[in-house]
N, C-alpha and C. Protein backbone atom coordinates (compact mmCIF):
# COMPACT_ATOMS: atom_id res chain seq x y z
N UNK A 1 31.77 21.67 -32.16
CA UNK A 1 30.43 21.71 -31.68
C UNK A 1 29.68 22.80 -32.45
N UNK A 2 28.50 22.51 -32.89
CA UNK A 2 27.69 23.45 -33.67
C UNK A 2 27.08 24.51 -32.77
N UNK A 3 26.92 25.69 -33.37
CA UNK A 3 26.29 26.77 -32.62
C UNK A 3 24.81 26.50 -32.44
N UNK A 4 24.32 26.86 -31.29
CA UNK A 4 22.90 26.68 -31.03
C UNK A 4 22.13 27.80 -31.73
N UNK A 5 21.13 27.43 -32.47
CA UNK A 5 20.34 28.40 -33.23
C UNK A 5 19.44 29.19 -32.28
N UNK A 6 19.53 30.51 -32.38
CA UNK A 6 18.69 31.34 -31.53
C UNK A 6 17.32 31.50 -32.16
N UNK A 7 16.31 31.33 -31.36
CA UNK A 7 14.94 31.48 -31.82
C UNK A 7 14.48 32.88 -31.46
N UNK A 8 14.13 33.64 -32.46
CA UNK A 8 13.66 35.00 -32.22
C UNK A 8 12.14 34.98 -32.12
N UNK A 9 11.64 35.67 -31.14
CA UNK A 9 10.20 35.76 -31.03
C UNK A 9 9.71 36.80 -32.03
N UNK A 10 8.60 36.53 -32.67
CA UNK A 10 8.10 37.49 -33.66
C UNK A 10 7.59 38.75 -32.96
N UNK A 11 7.58 39.87 -33.68
CA UNK A 11 7.05 41.10 -33.08
C UNK A 11 5.55 40.95 -32.82
N UNK A 12 5.00 41.77 -31.94
CA UNK A 12 3.56 41.67 -31.68
C UNK A 12 2.75 41.96 -32.94
N UNK A 13 1.59 41.38 -32.99
CA UNK A 13 0.74 41.47 -34.17
C UNK A 13 0.41 42.92 -34.53
N UNK A 14 0.15 43.76 -33.51
CA UNK A 14 -0.23 45.14 -33.80
C UNK A 14 0.90 45.91 -34.49
N UNK A 15 2.14 45.50 -34.29
CA UNK A 15 3.28 46.21 -34.87
C UNK A 15 3.54 45.80 -36.32
N UNK A 16 2.94 44.73 -36.76
CA UNK A 16 3.19 44.25 -38.12
C UNK A 16 2.02 44.43 -39.06
N UNK A 17 0.91 44.90 -38.56
CA UNK A 17 -0.28 45.02 -39.40
C UNK A 17 -0.35 46.32 -40.19
N UNK A 18 0.56 47.23 -39.99
CA UNK A 18 0.56 48.47 -40.77
C UNK A 18 -0.22 49.59 -40.13
N UNK A 19 -1.00 49.31 -39.10
CA UNK A 19 -1.76 50.37 -38.44
C UNK A 19 -1.37 50.48 -36.97
N UNK A 20 -0.18 50.07 -36.63
CA UNK A 20 0.22 50.06 -35.23
C UNK A 20 0.28 51.47 -34.64
N UNK A 21 0.54 52.46 -35.48
CA UNK A 21 0.63 53.83 -34.96
C UNK A 21 -0.72 54.37 -34.54
N UNK A 22 -1.78 53.74 -34.95
CA UNK A 22 -3.12 54.19 -34.60
C UNK A 22 -3.44 53.87 -33.14
N UNK A 23 -2.64 53.05 -32.50
CA UNK A 23 -2.94 52.60 -31.15
C UNK A 23 -2.21 53.39 -30.08
N UNK A 24 -1.45 54.39 -30.45
CA UNK A 24 -0.63 55.12 -29.50
C UNK A 24 -0.85 56.63 -29.64
N UNK A 25 -0.80 57.30 -28.51
CA UNK A 25 -0.78 58.76 -28.48
C UNK A 25 0.56 59.13 -27.89
N UNK A 26 1.34 59.89 -28.63
CA UNK A 26 2.71 60.19 -28.22
C UNK A 26 2.76 61.51 -27.46
N UNK A 27 3.35 61.46 -26.27
CA UNK A 27 3.66 62.64 -25.48
C UNK A 27 5.15 62.61 -25.22
N UNK A 28 5.81 63.75 -25.34
CA UNK A 28 7.24 63.82 -25.10
C UNK A 28 7.52 64.29 -23.67
N UNK A 29 8.69 63.94 -23.17
CA UNK A 29 9.05 64.25 -21.79
C UNK A 29 9.05 65.74 -21.51
N UNK A 30 9.53 66.55 -22.45
CA UNK A 30 9.58 67.98 -22.20
C UNK A 30 8.20 68.58 -21.99
N UNK A 31 7.20 67.99 -22.63
CA UNK A 31 5.83 68.48 -22.44
C UNK A 31 5.26 67.99 -21.11
N UNK A 32 5.46 66.72 -20.81
CA UNK A 32 4.90 66.15 -19.58
C UNK A 32 5.52 66.74 -18.32
N UNK A 33 6.75 67.20 -18.41
CA UNK A 33 7.42 67.77 -17.24
C UNK A 33 7.40 69.30 -17.23
N UNK A 34 6.73 69.91 -18.19
CA UNK A 34 6.68 71.37 -18.25
C UNK A 34 5.77 71.91 -17.14
N UNK A 35 6.04 73.10 -16.62
CA UNK A 35 5.18 73.68 -15.59
C UNK A 35 3.75 73.90 -16.07
N UNK A 36 3.59 74.21 -17.35
CA UNK A 36 2.24 74.43 -17.89
C UNK A 36 1.42 73.14 -17.85
N UNK A 37 2.02 72.02 -18.24
CA UNK A 37 1.28 70.75 -18.23
C UNK A 37 0.99 70.31 -16.81
N UNK A 38 1.92 70.52 -15.91
CA UNK A 38 1.71 70.13 -14.52
C UNK A 38 0.58 70.95 -13.90
N UNK A 39 0.44 72.22 -14.32
CA UNK A 39 -0.59 73.10 -13.77
C UNK A 39 -1.99 72.81 -14.31
N UNK A 40 -2.11 72.03 -15.38
CA UNK A 40 -3.41 71.72 -15.95
C UNK A 40 -4.23 70.86 -14.99
N UNK A 41 -5.54 71.02 -15.06
CA UNK A 41 -6.42 70.16 -14.27
C UNK A 41 -6.46 68.77 -14.89
N UNK A 42 -6.94 67.81 -14.14
CA UNK A 42 -7.03 66.43 -14.64
C UNK A 42 -7.97 66.35 -15.84
N UNK A 43 -9.06 67.11 -15.80
CA UNK A 43 -9.99 67.10 -16.93
C UNK A 43 -9.36 67.69 -18.18
N UNK A 44 -8.58 68.74 -18.02
CA UNK A 44 -7.91 69.35 -19.17
C UNK A 44 -6.90 68.39 -19.77
N UNK A 45 -6.19 67.64 -18.93
CA UNK A 45 -5.25 66.65 -19.45
C UNK A 45 -5.97 65.56 -20.22
N UNK A 46 -7.14 65.15 -19.73
CA UNK A 46 -7.90 64.12 -20.43
C UNK A 46 -8.43 64.63 -21.76
N UNK A 47 -8.94 65.86 -21.78
CA UNK A 47 -9.42 66.45 -23.03
C UNK A 47 -8.28 66.60 -24.03
N UNK A 48 -7.10 67.00 -23.55
CA UNK A 48 -5.95 67.14 -24.42
C UNK A 48 -5.54 65.79 -25.00
N UNK A 49 -5.59 64.75 -24.20
CA UNK A 49 -5.28 63.41 -24.70
C UNK A 49 -6.27 62.99 -25.78
N UNK A 50 -7.53 63.28 -25.59
CA UNK A 50 -8.54 62.94 -26.60
C UNK A 50 -8.28 63.73 -27.88
N UNK A 51 -7.93 65.00 -27.76
CA UNK A 51 -7.61 65.79 -28.95
C UNK A 51 -6.39 65.22 -29.67
N UNK A 52 -5.40 64.79 -28.92
CA UNK A 52 -4.22 64.17 -29.54
C UNK A 52 -4.59 62.86 -30.23
N UNK A 53 -5.56 62.14 -29.67
CA UNK A 53 -6.03 60.90 -30.31
C UNK A 53 -6.69 61.20 -31.65
N UNK A 54 -7.40 62.32 -31.73
CA UNK A 54 -8.14 62.67 -32.93
C UNK A 54 -7.27 63.33 -34.00
N UNK A 55 -6.05 63.69 -33.65
CA UNK A 55 -5.15 64.36 -34.58
C UNK A 55 -4.71 63.40 -35.68
N UNK A 56 -4.87 63.80 -36.93
CA UNK A 56 -4.52 62.96 -38.07
C UNK A 56 -3.43 63.56 -38.94
N UNK A 57 -2.79 64.61 -38.47
CA UNK A 57 -1.65 65.20 -39.18
C UNK A 57 -2.07 65.94 -40.44
N UNK A 58 -1.26 65.83 -41.47
CA UNK A 58 -1.48 66.55 -42.72
C UNK A 58 -2.77 66.11 -43.41
N UNK A 59 -3.28 64.95 -43.06
CA UNK A 59 -4.52 64.45 -43.67
C UNK A 59 -5.67 65.42 -43.44
N UNK A 60 -5.70 66.07 -42.29
CA UNK A 60 -6.76 67.03 -41.99
C UNK A 60 -6.26 68.47 -42.03
N UNK A 61 -5.13 68.71 -42.63
CA UNK A 61 -4.60 70.07 -42.72
C UNK A 61 -4.05 70.57 -41.40
N UNK A 62 -3.49 69.68 -40.61
CA UNK A 62 -2.90 70.00 -39.31
C UNK A 62 -3.91 70.60 -38.33
N UNK A 63 -5.17 70.31 -38.49
CA UNK A 63 -6.17 70.70 -37.52
C UNK A 63 -6.79 69.44 -36.93
N UNK A 64 -7.33 69.59 -35.76
CA UNK A 64 -8.00 68.48 -35.10
C UNK A 64 -9.49 68.74 -35.18
N UNK A 65 -10.20 67.86 -35.83
CA UNK A 65 -11.65 67.98 -35.91
C UNK A 65 -12.24 67.03 -34.88
N UNK A 66 -12.88 67.62 -33.89
CA UNK A 66 -13.38 66.81 -32.78
C UNK A 66 -14.70 67.38 -32.28
N UNK A 67 -15.81 66.74 -32.59
CA UNK A 67 -17.09 67.22 -32.09
C UNK A 67 -17.24 66.90 -30.60
N UNK A 68 -18.15 67.59 -29.96
CA UNK A 68 -18.39 67.34 -28.54
C UNK A 68 -18.89 65.92 -28.30
N UNK A 69 -19.52 65.32 -29.28
CA UNK A 69 -20.01 63.95 -29.10
C UNK A 69 -18.87 62.97 -28.83
N UNK A 70 -17.68 63.26 -29.35
CA UNK A 70 -16.51 62.42 -29.07
C UNK A 70 -16.16 62.47 -27.60
N UNK A 71 -16.22 63.66 -27.01
CA UNK A 71 -15.93 63.80 -25.59
C UNK A 71 -17.03 63.13 -24.75
N UNK A 72 -18.27 63.25 -25.20
CA UNK A 72 -19.37 62.64 -24.47
C UNK A 72 -19.25 61.11 -24.50
N UNK A 73 -18.80 60.56 -25.64
CA UNK A 73 -18.57 59.12 -25.72
C UNK A 73 -17.51 58.66 -24.74
N UNK A 74 -16.57 59.55 -24.42
CA UNK A 74 -15.50 59.23 -23.46
C UNK A 74 -15.93 59.55 -22.03
N UNK A 75 -17.23 59.76 -21.84
CA UNK A 75 -17.83 59.98 -20.52
C UNK A 75 -17.45 61.31 -19.87
N UNK A 76 -17.31 62.34 -20.67
CA UNK A 76 -17.06 63.69 -20.15
C UNK A 76 -18.30 64.54 -20.38
N UNK A 77 -18.62 65.40 -19.42
CA UNK A 77 -19.77 66.29 -19.57
C UNK A 77 -19.38 67.49 -20.44
N UNK A 78 -20.36 68.06 -21.11
CA UNK A 78 -20.11 69.19 -22.01
C UNK A 78 -19.51 70.38 -21.26
N UNK A 79 -20.01 70.65 -20.04
CA UNK A 79 -19.50 71.77 -19.26
C UNK A 79 -18.04 71.56 -18.89
N UNK A 80 -17.71 70.32 -18.56
CA UNK A 80 -16.33 69.98 -18.21
C UNK A 80 -15.41 70.18 -19.41
N UNK A 81 -15.88 69.78 -20.58
CA UNK A 81 -15.08 69.91 -21.80
C UNK A 81 -14.87 71.38 -22.14
N UNK A 82 -15.92 72.18 -22.03
CA UNK A 82 -15.80 73.61 -22.34
C UNK A 82 -14.79 74.29 -21.43
N UNK A 83 -14.85 73.97 -20.15
CA UNK A 83 -13.90 74.57 -19.20
C UNK A 83 -12.47 74.09 -19.49
N UNK A 84 -12.32 72.81 -19.79
CA UNK A 84 -10.99 72.26 -20.08
C UNK A 84 -10.41 72.87 -21.35
N UNK A 85 -11.25 73.07 -22.37
CA UNK A 85 -10.77 73.68 -23.61
C UNK A 85 -10.31 75.11 -23.37
N UNK A 86 -11.04 75.84 -22.52
CA UNK A 86 -10.62 77.20 -22.17
C UNK A 86 -9.24 77.18 -21.50
N UNK A 87 -9.07 76.23 -20.58
CA UNK A 87 -7.79 76.15 -19.88
C UNK A 87 -6.67 75.77 -20.84
N UNK A 88 -6.92 74.81 -21.73
CA UNK A 88 -5.91 74.41 -22.69
C UNK A 88 -5.51 75.56 -23.62
N UNK A 89 -6.49 76.38 -24.00
CA UNK A 89 -6.18 77.51 -24.86
C UNK A 89 -5.39 78.58 -24.10
N UNK A 90 -5.76 78.85 -22.86
CA UNK A 90 -5.04 79.86 -22.08
C UNK A 90 -3.61 79.44 -21.77
N UNK A 91 -3.39 78.16 -21.60
CA UNK A 91 -2.05 77.66 -21.28
C UNK A 91 -1.23 77.35 -22.52
N UNK A 92 -1.79 77.56 -23.71
CA UNK A 92 -1.02 77.46 -24.94
C UNK A 92 -0.89 76.07 -25.54
N UNK A 93 -1.77 75.15 -25.21
CA UNK A 93 -1.69 73.81 -25.77
C UNK A 93 -2.49 73.68 -27.07
N UNK A 94 -3.56 74.46 -27.19
CA UNK A 94 -4.38 74.41 -28.40
C UNK A 94 -4.77 75.83 -28.79
N UNK A 95 -5.24 75.95 -30.03
CA UNK A 95 -5.88 77.17 -30.50
C UNK A 95 -7.23 76.74 -31.05
N UNK A 96 -8.28 77.36 -30.60
CA UNK A 96 -9.61 77.03 -31.10
C UNK A 96 -9.80 77.81 -32.38
N UNK A 97 -9.80 77.10 -33.52
CA UNK A 97 -9.88 77.78 -34.81
C UNK A 97 -11.32 78.02 -35.25
N UNK A 98 -12.20 77.10 -34.88
CA UNK A 98 -13.60 77.27 -35.28
C UNK A 98 -14.46 76.48 -34.32
N UNK A 99 -15.46 77.13 -33.77
CA UNK A 99 -16.41 76.43 -32.91
C UNK A 99 -17.39 75.64 -33.74
N UNK A 100 -17.87 74.57 -33.19
CA UNK A 100 -18.79 73.72 -33.91
C UNK A 100 -20.15 74.37 -34.07
N UNK A 101 -20.64 74.31 -35.25
CA UNK A 101 -21.99 74.76 -35.53
C UNK A 101 -22.83 73.53 -35.85
N UNK A 102 -24.03 73.73 -36.25
CA UNK A 102 -24.88 72.59 -36.54
C UNK A 102 -24.28 71.73 -37.65
N UNK A 103 -24.09 70.47 -37.37
CA UNK A 103 -23.56 69.45 -38.30
C UNK A 103 -22.11 69.70 -38.72
N UNK A 104 -21.39 70.50 -37.98
CA UNK A 104 -19.97 70.72 -38.27
C UNK A 104 -19.20 70.58 -36.97
N UNK A 105 -18.14 69.79 -36.97
CA UNK A 105 -17.39 69.61 -35.72
C UNK A 105 -16.53 70.82 -35.38
N UNK A 106 -16.20 70.93 -34.12
CA UNK A 106 -15.27 71.98 -33.68
C UNK A 106 -13.89 71.65 -34.23
N UNK A 107 -13.12 72.69 -34.51
CA UNK A 107 -11.77 72.49 -35.03
C UNK A 107 -10.76 73.17 -34.11
N UNK A 108 -9.69 72.47 -33.86
CA UNK A 108 -8.63 72.95 -32.98
C UNK A 108 -7.29 72.77 -33.68
N UNK A 109 -6.34 73.56 -33.27
CA UNK A 109 -4.98 73.41 -33.78
C UNK A 109 -4.07 73.21 -32.58
N UNK A 110 -3.24 72.18 -32.63
CA UNK A 110 -2.30 71.94 -31.55
C UNK A 110 -1.22 73.01 -31.60
N UNK A 111 -0.91 73.58 -30.46
CA UNK A 111 0.03 74.69 -30.39
C UNK A 111 1.18 74.34 -29.45
N UNK A 112 2.27 75.06 -29.60
CA UNK A 112 3.41 74.86 -28.71
C UNK A 112 3.72 76.14 -27.92
N UNK A 113 2.71 76.95 -27.71
CA UNK A 113 2.90 78.16 -26.92
C UNK A 113 3.12 77.86 -25.45
N UNK A 114 2.84 76.63 -25.03
CA UNK A 114 3.05 76.23 -23.64
C UNK A 114 4.53 76.30 -23.26
N UNK A 115 5.41 76.28 -24.26
CA UNK A 115 6.84 76.29 -23.98
C UNK A 115 7.29 77.62 -23.37
N UNK A 116 6.58 78.70 -23.66
CA UNK A 116 6.98 80.00 -23.11
C UNK A 116 6.53 80.18 -21.66
N UNK A 117 5.70 79.28 -21.16
CA UNK A 117 5.25 79.36 -19.78
C UNK A 117 6.19 78.60 -18.86
N UNK A 118 7.45 78.92 -18.94
CA UNK A 118 8.45 78.18 -18.18
C UNK A 118 8.71 78.76 -16.79
N UNK A 119 8.44 80.04 -16.61
CA UNK A 119 8.66 80.61 -15.29
C UNK A 119 7.33 80.90 -14.59
N UNK A 120 7.35 81.01 -13.27
CA UNK A 120 6.10 81.17 -12.50
C UNK A 120 5.29 82.42 -12.84
N UNK A 121 5.96 83.51 -13.22
CA UNK A 121 5.21 84.75 -13.52
C UNK A 121 4.32 84.57 -14.76
N UNK A 122 4.87 83.95 -15.79
CA UNK A 122 4.09 83.73 -17.01
C UNK A 122 2.96 82.74 -16.76
N UNK A 123 3.21 81.76 -15.91
CA UNK A 123 2.19 80.79 -15.56
C UNK A 123 1.05 81.46 -14.79
N UNK A 124 1.40 82.39 -13.91
CA UNK A 124 0.37 83.12 -13.16
C UNK A 124 -0.47 83.99 -14.09
N UNK A 125 0.17 84.59 -15.10
CA UNK A 125 -0.58 85.40 -16.08
C UNK A 125 -1.56 84.54 -16.85
N UNK A 126 -1.13 83.35 -17.26
CA UNK A 126 -2.01 82.44 -18.00
C UNK A 126 -3.17 81.99 -17.12
N UNK A 127 -2.89 81.73 -15.84
CA UNK A 127 -3.94 81.32 -14.92
C UNK A 127 -4.92 82.46 -14.68
N UNK A 128 -4.41 83.69 -14.57
CA UNK A 128 -5.29 84.85 -14.39
C UNK A 128 -6.19 85.03 -15.62
N UNK A 129 -5.62 84.83 -16.81
CA UNK A 129 -6.41 84.93 -18.04
C UNK A 129 -7.52 83.88 -18.05
N UNK A 130 -7.18 82.66 -17.62
CA UNK A 130 -8.17 81.58 -17.55
C UNK A 130 -9.27 81.92 -16.55
N UNK A 131 -8.90 82.40 -15.38
CA UNK A 131 -9.91 82.78 -14.36
C UNK A 131 -10.79 83.93 -14.86
N UNK A 132 -10.20 84.86 -15.58
CA UNK A 132 -10.98 85.99 -16.12
C UNK A 132 -12.01 85.49 -17.13
N UNK A 133 -11.60 84.57 -17.99
CA UNK A 133 -12.55 84.00 -18.96
C UNK A 133 -13.69 83.27 -18.27
N UNK A 134 -13.37 82.52 -17.21
CA UNK A 134 -14.41 81.82 -16.46
C UNK A 134 -15.38 82.80 -15.81
N UNK A 135 -14.84 83.90 -15.30
CA UNK A 135 -15.69 84.91 -14.66
C UNK A 135 -16.62 85.57 -15.69
N UNK A 136 -16.12 85.85 -16.87
CA UNK A 136 -16.96 86.43 -17.92
C UNK A 136 -18.09 85.47 -18.30
N UNK A 137 -17.76 84.20 -18.44
CA UNK A 137 -18.79 83.21 -18.78
C UNK A 137 -19.82 83.07 -17.66
N UNK A 138 -19.36 83.15 -16.41
CA UNK A 138 -20.28 83.04 -15.28
C UNK A 138 -21.23 84.22 -15.25
N UNK A 139 -20.71 85.43 -15.51
CA UNK A 139 -21.56 86.62 -15.54
C UNK A 139 -22.59 86.53 -16.67
N UNK A 140 -22.17 86.03 -17.82
CA UNK A 140 -23.10 85.88 -18.94
C UNK A 140 -24.20 84.87 -18.59
N UNK A 141 -23.82 83.80 -17.93
CA UNK A 141 -24.81 82.78 -17.54
C UNK A 141 -25.79 83.35 -16.51
N UNK A 142 -25.27 84.12 -15.54
CA UNK A 142 -26.14 84.74 -14.53
C UNK A 142 -27.08 85.76 -15.17
N UNK A 143 -26.57 86.52 -16.13
CA UNK A 143 -27.40 87.50 -16.83
C UNK A 143 -28.52 86.80 -17.59
N UNK A 144 -28.17 85.72 -18.25
CA UNK A 144 -29.17 84.96 -19.01
C UNK A 144 -30.25 84.39 -18.08
N UNK A 145 -29.81 83.90 -16.93
CA UNK A 145 -30.76 83.34 -15.96
C UNK A 145 -31.71 84.42 -15.46
N UNK A 146 -31.15 85.60 -15.11
CA UNK A 146 -31.98 86.71 -14.63
C UNK A 146 -32.94 87.17 -15.72
N UNK A 147 -32.49 87.23 -16.94
CA UNK A 147 -33.34 87.64 -18.06
C UNK A 147 -34.51 86.67 -18.23
N UNK A 148 -34.22 85.38 -18.19
CA UNK A 148 -35.28 84.39 -18.37
C UNK A 148 -36.28 84.42 -17.21
N UNK A 149 -35.78 84.62 -15.99
CA UNK A 149 -36.68 84.68 -14.85
C UNK A 149 -37.56 85.92 -14.90
N UNK A 150 -37.03 87.03 -15.38
CA UNK A 150 -37.81 88.26 -15.42
C UNK A 150 -38.87 88.23 -16.52
N UNK A 151 -38.63 87.47 -17.59
CA UNK A 151 -39.58 87.44 -18.69
C UNK A 151 -40.58 86.30 -18.61
N UNK A 152 -40.26 85.23 -17.95
CA UNK A 152 -41.18 84.10 -17.89
C UNK A 152 -41.59 83.74 -16.48
N UNK A 153 -40.94 84.31 -15.49
CA UNK A 153 -41.25 83.99 -14.11
C UNK A 153 -40.51 82.76 -13.61
N UNK A 154 -39.87 82.04 -14.48
CA UNK A 154 -39.08 80.88 -14.06
C UNK A 154 -37.91 80.71 -15.01
N UNK A 155 -36.95 79.97 -14.57
CA UNK A 155 -35.73 79.76 -15.36
C UNK A 155 -35.85 78.48 -16.16
N UNK A 156 -35.52 78.58 -17.48
CA UNK A 156 -35.50 77.42 -18.36
C UNK A 156 -34.05 77.03 -18.63
N UNK A 157 -33.55 75.99 -17.98
CA UNK A 157 -32.15 75.62 -18.20
C UNK A 157 -31.88 75.05 -19.59
N UNK A 158 -32.90 74.81 -20.38
CA UNK A 158 -32.72 74.27 -21.72
C UNK A 158 -32.12 75.32 -22.63
N UNK A 159 -32.42 76.59 -22.39
CA UNK A 159 -31.94 77.65 -23.27
C UNK A 159 -30.52 77.90 -23.09
């Protein structure tokens, strides 16, 4: 009796077109289960995922070039992104190498400093650093608001 010929199903089209890796963002288990990643806010996790999507490896010199318009296209507010980036930097997931200026995107470097935040004491220090940065920014914003009100009689949120 002859052997029955097995019919193999072809691989999915995205896997054979040569650009299949462009459709995936890779996260490893050690990162997803780390205390630092678990402590991140949902917005920070989303911003980090977008940064990982924009990462092109050695093609961009191991930096992530991502303007705020990319985050806005993903339906995130600028204030939310700024706060999430601060948290990601304090928890060791990214390093902000250059802030965006006119017609130049912000540049970030993916970091692995989150690995040292394995025990609760180090995590509390990182959280305290993040809260301190938020407090400094809040004081600066309040100072700016008071300055504008004292000089014009009203606050201009555009500035």
